[in-house]
N, C-alpha and C. Protein backbone atom coordinates (compact mmCIF):
# COMPACT_ATOMS: atom_id res chain seq x y z
N MET A 1 20.55 28.58 15.16
CA MET A 1 20.64 27.39 14.37
C MET A 1 19.27 26.71 14.33
N PRO A 2 18.76 26.34 13.14
CA PRO A 2 17.45 25.71 13.07
C PRO A 2 17.48 24.30 13.65
N CYS A 3 16.40 23.93 14.27
CA CYS A 3 16.27 22.61 14.86
C CYS A 3 15.54 21.70 13.88
N HIS A 4 16.18 20.63 13.46
CA HIS A 4 15.56 19.70 12.52
C HIS A 4 15.27 18.38 13.22
N SER A 5 14.12 17.83 12.93
CA SER A 5 13.76 16.54 13.50
C SER A 5 14.59 15.45 12.84
N LYS A 6 15.04 14.51 13.63
CA LYS A 6 15.80 13.39 13.09
C LYS A 6 14.87 12.24 12.69
N ARG A 7 13.60 12.39 12.98
CA ARG A 7 12.64 11.35 12.64
C ARG A 7 12.45 11.33 11.12
N GLN A 8 12.57 10.18 10.55
CA GLN A 8 12.37 10.05 9.11
C GLN A 8 11.03 9.40 8.85
N LYS A 9 10.45 9.74 7.73
CA LYS A 9 9.17 9.17 7.35
C LYS A 9 9.35 7.67 7.11
N LYS A 10 8.50 6.87 7.75
CA LYS A 10 8.56 5.43 7.56
C LYS A 10 7.93 5.08 6.22
N GLU A 11 8.61 4.23 5.49
CA GLU A 11 8.05 3.77 4.23
C GLU A 11 7.10 2.62 4.51
N LYS A 12 6.07 2.53 3.71
CA LYS A 12 5.13 1.43 3.86
C LYS A 12 5.82 0.17 3.33
N ALA A 13 5.91 -0.82 4.17
CA ALA A 13 6.79 -1.94 3.89
C ALA A 13 6.12 -3.16 3.26
N HIS A 14 4.79 -3.19 3.18
CA HIS A 14 4.11 -4.37 2.65
C HIS A 14 2.99 -3.97 1.70
N ALA A 15 2.72 -4.84 0.74
CA ALA A 15 1.66 -4.59 -0.22
C ALA A 15 0.83 -5.86 -0.40
N LEU A 16 -0.48 -5.69 -0.53
CA LEU A 16 -1.38 -6.80 -0.84
C LEU A 16 -1.49 -6.86 -2.35
N VAL A 17 -1.03 -7.97 -2.93
CA VAL A 17 -0.96 -8.08 -4.39
C VAL A 17 -1.86 -9.22 -4.86
N GLU A 18 -2.67 -8.92 -5.89
CA GLU A 18 -3.45 -9.97 -6.56
C GLU A 18 -2.71 -10.30 -7.85
N PHE A 19 -2.31 -11.56 -7.97
CA PHE A 19 -1.56 -11.99 -9.15
C PHE A 19 -2.52 -12.32 -10.29
N ASP A 20 -1.97 -12.39 -11.50
CA ASP A 20 -2.78 -12.62 -12.69
C ASP A 20 -3.52 -13.95 -12.66
N ASP A 21 -3.02 -14.92 -11.88
CA ASP A 21 -3.70 -16.22 -11.79
C ASP A 21 -4.82 -16.22 -10.75
N GLY A 22 -5.09 -15.07 -10.12
CA GLY A 22 -6.18 -14.96 -9.15
C GLY A 22 -5.78 -15.16 -7.71
N THR A 23 -4.53 -15.52 -7.44
CA THR A 23 -4.08 -15.70 -6.06
C THR A 23 -3.68 -14.35 -5.46
N TRP A 24 -3.72 -14.29 -4.12
CA TRP A 24 -3.36 -13.08 -3.37
C TRP A 24 -2.16 -13.38 -2.50
N SER A 25 -1.37 -12.35 -2.22
CA SER A 25 -0.25 -12.51 -1.29
C SER A 25 0.15 -11.16 -0.72
N VAL A 26 0.59 -11.17 0.55
CA VAL A 26 1.16 -9.98 1.16
C VAL A 26 2.66 -10.05 0.91
N ILE A 27 3.18 -9.04 0.23
CA ILE A 27 4.56 -9.03 -0.22
C ILE A 27 5.33 -7.88 0.44
N ASN A 28 6.54 -8.15 0.88
CA ASN A 28 7.42 -7.08 1.33
C ASN A 28 7.77 -6.25 0.10
N THR A 29 7.63 -4.94 0.18
CA THR A 29 7.83 -4.09 -1.00
C THR A 29 9.26 -4.15 -1.53
N LYS A 30 10.20 -4.61 -0.73
CA LYS A 30 11.57 -4.75 -1.22
C LYS A 30 11.67 -5.85 -2.27
N LYS A 31 10.71 -6.78 -2.27
CA LYS A 31 10.74 -7.87 -3.24
C LYS A 31 10.11 -7.48 -4.57
N LEU A 32 9.41 -6.33 -4.62
CA LEU A 32 8.78 -5.89 -5.85
C LEU A 32 9.82 -5.26 -6.76
N GLU A 33 9.69 -5.52 -8.06
CA GLU A 33 10.60 -4.91 -9.02
C GLU A 33 10.17 -3.48 -9.29
N GLY A 34 11.12 -2.56 -9.31
CA GLY A 34 10.80 -1.16 -9.53
C GLY A 34 10.35 -0.49 -8.25
N SER A 35 9.78 0.70 -8.38
CA SER A 35 9.33 1.43 -7.19
C SER A 35 7.81 1.41 -7.12
N LEU A 36 7.32 1.22 -5.92
CA LEU A 36 5.88 1.16 -5.69
C LEU A 36 5.37 2.57 -5.44
N MET A 37 4.40 3.00 -6.23
CA MET A 37 3.89 4.36 -6.13
C MET A 37 2.49 4.43 -5.52
N ASP A 38 1.57 3.56 -5.95
CA ASP A 38 0.19 3.71 -5.52
C ASP A 38 -0.59 2.42 -5.71
N LYS A 39 -1.77 2.37 -5.11
CA LYS A 39 -2.67 1.23 -5.30
C LYS A 39 -3.08 1.18 -6.77
N GLY A 40 -3.37 -0.02 -7.24
CA GLY A 40 -3.78 -0.20 -8.62
C GLY A 40 -2.62 -0.33 -9.59
N GLN A 41 -1.41 -0.20 -9.08
CA GLN A 41 -0.22 -0.27 -9.93
C GLN A 41 0.10 -1.71 -10.30
N LYS A 42 0.48 -1.93 -11.53
CA LYS A 42 0.93 -3.24 -12.00
C LYS A 42 2.36 -3.43 -11.52
N VAL A 43 2.64 -4.58 -10.89
CA VAL A 43 3.97 -4.87 -10.36
C VAL A 43 4.43 -6.25 -10.80
N PHE A 44 5.71 -6.50 -10.64
CA PHE A 44 6.29 -7.80 -10.94
C PHE A 44 7.07 -8.28 -9.73
N VAL A 45 6.94 -9.59 -9.44
CA VAL A 45 7.65 -10.22 -8.35
C VAL A 45 8.37 -11.44 -8.93
N THR A 46 9.62 -11.63 -8.55
CA THR A 46 10.35 -12.81 -8.99
C THR A 46 10.45 -13.78 -7.82
N TRP A 47 9.90 -14.97 -8.03
CA TRP A 47 9.91 -16.02 -7.00
C TRP A 47 10.93 -17.08 -7.36
N PRO A 48 11.65 -17.61 -6.36
CA PRO A 48 12.57 -18.72 -6.64
C PRO A 48 11.79 -19.94 -7.14
N ASN A 49 12.32 -20.63 -8.11
CA ASN A 49 11.74 -21.84 -8.68
C ASN A 49 10.41 -21.61 -9.42
N ILE A 50 9.92 -20.38 -9.46
CA ILE A 50 8.67 -20.09 -10.18
C ILE A 50 8.94 -19.12 -11.33
N GLY A 51 9.68 -18.06 -11.04
CA GLY A 51 9.98 -17.07 -12.06
C GLY A 51 9.30 -15.75 -11.77
N ARG A 52 9.18 -14.94 -12.79
CA ARG A 52 8.64 -13.58 -12.68
C ARG A 52 7.13 -13.62 -12.90
N ILE A 53 6.38 -13.07 -11.93
CA ILE A 53 4.92 -13.07 -11.98
C ILE A 53 4.43 -11.63 -11.87
N SER A 54 3.41 -11.30 -12.65
CA SER A 54 2.85 -9.95 -12.58
C SER A 54 1.57 -9.96 -11.75
N GLY A 55 1.26 -8.81 -11.19
CA GLY A 55 0.06 -8.66 -10.38
C GLY A 55 -0.28 -7.19 -10.20
N VAL A 56 -1.35 -6.94 -9.45
CA VAL A 56 -1.82 -5.58 -9.19
C VAL A 56 -1.85 -5.35 -7.69
N VAL A 57 -1.37 -4.19 -7.25
CA VAL A 57 -1.37 -3.83 -5.84
C VAL A 57 -2.76 -3.35 -5.44
N TRP A 58 -3.33 -3.97 -4.39
CA TRP A 58 -4.66 -3.58 -3.90
C TRP A 58 -4.59 -2.73 -2.65
N ALA A 59 -3.56 -2.90 -1.85
CA ALA A 59 -3.43 -2.12 -0.61
C ALA A 59 -1.95 -2.05 -0.24
N ILE A 60 -1.60 -0.96 0.45
CA ILE A 60 -0.23 -0.75 0.90
C ILE A 60 -0.29 -0.36 2.38
N SER A 61 0.56 -0.98 3.20
CA SER A 61 0.56 -0.67 4.63
C SER A 61 1.90 -1.05 5.24
N ASN A 62 2.16 -0.50 6.42
CA ASN A 62 3.35 -0.94 7.15
C ASN A 62 2.99 -2.02 8.16
N LEU A 63 1.73 -2.42 8.22
CA LEU A 63 1.28 -3.49 9.11
C LEU A 63 0.69 -4.65 8.31
N ILE A 64 1.25 -5.83 8.48
CA ILE A 64 0.76 -7.00 7.74
C ILE A 64 -0.67 -7.33 8.12
N THR A 65 -1.04 -7.16 9.39
CA THR A 65 -2.39 -7.52 9.83
C THR A 65 -3.45 -6.69 9.12
N ARG A 66 -3.16 -5.42 8.87
CA ARG A 66 -4.13 -4.59 8.14
C ARG A 66 -4.35 -5.11 6.73
N LEU A 67 -3.29 -5.58 6.10
CA LEU A 67 -3.41 -6.11 4.75
C LEU A 67 -4.17 -7.42 4.75
N SER A 68 -3.94 -8.26 5.74
CA SER A 68 -4.67 -9.52 5.83
C SER A 68 -6.16 -9.25 6.03
N ASP A 69 -6.48 -8.24 6.85
CA ASP A 69 -7.88 -7.86 7.07
C ASP A 69 -8.49 -7.31 5.79
N ALA A 70 -7.74 -6.53 5.03
CA ALA A 70 -8.24 -5.95 3.79
C ALA A 70 -8.57 -7.04 2.78
N HIS A 71 -7.81 -8.11 2.78
CA HIS A 71 -8.05 -9.21 1.84
C HIS A 71 -9.34 -9.96 2.17
N THR A 72 -9.66 -10.10 3.45
CA THR A 72 -10.84 -10.87 3.84
C THR A 72 -12.13 -10.09 3.72
N LYS A 73 -12.07 -8.77 3.59
CA LYS A 73 -13.28 -7.95 3.49
C LYS A 73 -13.81 -7.91 2.08
C-alpha cells in the first residue's frame, strides 16, 4: 500500500494590496473577490460602509510581518 503524506500545502493567506487611491493594506486573501493567482493581479475588496474598491497585489505571503517589511522597502 502506498504511503501518502497527510500534510497539505499551506495557502498563502495574506496579500499586500495597493488601492487605486494610493493607499496600501495587508489583506487576508479570503476577503478578496475571486481567486488570487499572482503578484500584479488586479483585485477587488468590499469594505463595510465603503463599498467595493479595486487594487493591485504587490506581494503574497503567509506571514503578515513579511508583507509589512515589503511595504516599507
